[in-house]
């Protein structure tokens, strides 16, 4: 699996998790998807993605989007 798929999988999983947490735990988790969206916007503008950095540290090979 490459960075591209890992980053997409991570973003989707975190968004799904935020919906589940809001529904079953507390409405305060409304801010979780806001943070995820802000991070996606920031990484698309700056080219710096914290999740990609973490995946790099784990030894996952780079995909085309992060070369």
C-alpha atoms as a PDB file:
ATOM      1  CA  UNK A   1       0.000   0.000   0.000  1.00  0.00           C
ATOM      2  CA  UNK A   2       1.342   3.460  -0.908  1.00  0.00           C
ATOM      3  CA  UNK A   3       1.063   6.850   0.793  1.00  0.00           C
ATOM      4  CA  UNK A   4      -1.778   7.818  -1.504  1.00  0.00           C
ATOM      5  CA  UNK A   5      -4.002   5.015  -0.334  1.00  0.00           C
ATOM      6  CA  UNK A   6      -2.892   5.281   3.299  1.00  0.00           C
ATOM      7  CA  UNK A   7      -3.667   8.992   3.476  1.00  0.00           C
ATOM      8  CA  UNK A   8      -7.078   8.487   1.848  1.00  0.00           C
ATOM      9  CA  UNK A   9      -7.832   5.532   4.109  1.00  0.00           C
ATOM     10  CA  UNK A  10      -6.766   7.482   7.194  1.00  0.00           C
ATOM     11  CA  UNK A  11      -8.870  10.531   6.255  1.00  0.00           C
ATOM     12  CA  UNK A  12     -11.931   8.406   5.542  1.00  0.00           C
ATOM     13  CA  UNK A  13     -11.533   6.353   8.711  1.00  0.00           C
ATOM     14  CA  UNK A  14     -11.139   9.457  10.866  1.00  0.00           C
ATOM     15  CA  UNK A  15     -14.224  11.064   9.303  1.00  0.00           C
ATOM     16  CA  UNK A  16     -16.275   7.908   9.875  1.00  0.00           C
ATOM     17  CA  UNK A  17     -14.960   7.688  13.429  1.00  0.00           C
ATOM     18  CA  UNK A  18     -15.997  11.296  14.078  1.00  0.00           C
ATOM     19  CA  UNK A  19     -19.555  10.574  12.915  1.00  0.00           C
ATOM     20  CA  UNK A  20     -19.758   7.502  15.138  1.00  0.00           C
ATOM     21  CA  UNK A  21     -18.344   9.379  18.145  1.00  0.00           C
ATOM     22  CA  UNK A  22     -20.789  12.254  17.660  1.00  0.00           C
ATOM     23  CA  UNK A  23     -23.730   9.870  17.351  1.00  0.00           C
ATOM     24  CA  UNK A  24     -22.898   7.534  20.214  1.00  0.00           C
ATOM     25  CA  UNK A  25     -20.721   9.509  22.639  1.00  0.00           C
ATOM     26  CA  UNK A  26     -21.182  13.278  22.569  1.00  0.00           C
ATOM     27  CA  UNK A  27     -22.277  16.059  20.225  1.00  0.00           C
ATOM     28  CA  UNK A  28     -19.022  17.815  21.135  1.00  0.00           C
ATOM     29  CA  UNK A  29     -17.331  15.626  18.526  1.00  0.00           C
ATOM     30  CA  UNK A  30     -18.769  17.985  15.873  1.00  0.00           C
ATOM     31  CA  UNK A  31     -15.371  19.694  15.941  1.00  0.00           C
ATOM     32  CA  UNK A  32     -13.479  16.537  14.950  1.00  0.00           C
ATOM     33  CA  UNK A  33     -14.475  16.612  11.234  1.00  0.00           C
ATOM     34  CA  UNK A  34     -13.751  20.358  11.208  1.00  0.00           C
ATOM     35  CA  UNK A  35     -10.181  19.597  12.283  1.00  0.00           C
ATOM     36  CA  UNK A  36      -9.899  16.826   9.672  1.00  0.00           C
ATOM     37  CA  UNK A  37     -11.165  19.127   6.910  1.00  0.00           C
ATOM     38  CA  UNK A  38      -8.830  21.946   7.954  1.00  0.00           C
ATOM     39  CA  UNK A  39      -5.916  19.521   7.891  1.00  0.00           C
ATOM     40  CA  UNK A  40      -6.836  18.307   4.394  1.00  0.00           C
ATOM     41  CA  UNK A  41      -7.086  21.899   3.138  1.00  0.00           C
ATOM     42  CA  UNK A  42      -3.778  22.827   4.782  1.00  0.00           C
ATOM     43  CA  UNK A  43      -1.968  19.825   3.294  1.00  0.00           C
ATOM     44  CA  UNK A  44      -3.321  20.524  -0.196  1.00  0.00           C
ATOM     45  CA  UNK A  45      -2.158  24.157  -0.029  1.00  0.00           C
ATOM     46  CA  UNK A  46       1.241  23.645   1.602  1.00  0.00           C
ATOM     47  CA  UNK A  47       2.103  20.130   0.438  1.00  0.00           C
ATOM     48  CA  UNK A  48       2.942  19.198   4.044  1.00  0.00           C
ATOM     49  CA  UNK A  49       0.804  16.380   5.396  1.00  0.00           C
ATOM     50  CA  UNK A  50       1.332  15.206   8.990  1.00  0.00           C
ATOM     51  CA  UNK A  51      -0.251  11.832   8.201  1.00  0.00           C
ATOM     52  CA  UNK A  52       2.126  11.332   5.268  1.00  0.00           C
ATOM     53  CA  UNK A  53       5.071  12.129   7.528  1.00  0.00           C
ATOM     54  CA  UNK A  54       3.865   9.534  10.009  1.00  0.00           C
ATOM     55  CA  UNK A  55       3.429   6.936   7.265  1.00  0.00           C
ATOM     56  CA  UNK A  56       6.948   7.707   6.012  1.00  0.00           C
ATOM     57  CA  UNK A  57       8.307   7.058   9.497  1.00  0.00           C
ATOM     58  CA  UNK A  58       6.504   3.705   9.432  1.00  0.00           C
ATOM     59  CA  UNK A  59       8.332   2.799   6.222  1.00  0.00           C
ATOM     60  CA  UNK A  60       5.419   2.947   3.778  1.00  0.00           C
ATOM     61  CA  UNK A  61       6.597   3.621   0.229  1.00  0.00           C
ATOM     62  CA  UNK A  62       5.762   6.932  -1.390  1.00  0.00           C
ATOM     63  CA  UNK A  63       3.106   7.165  -4.053  1.00  0.00           C
ATOM     64  CA  UNK A  64       2.850   9.615  -6.921  1.00  0.00           C
ATOM     65  CA  UNK A  65       0.996  12.295  -4.938  1.00  0.00           C
ATOM     66  CA  UNK A  66       3.832  12.791  -2.444  1.00  0.00           C
ATOM     67  CA  UNK A  67       6.938  12.756  -4.639  1.00  0.00           C
END
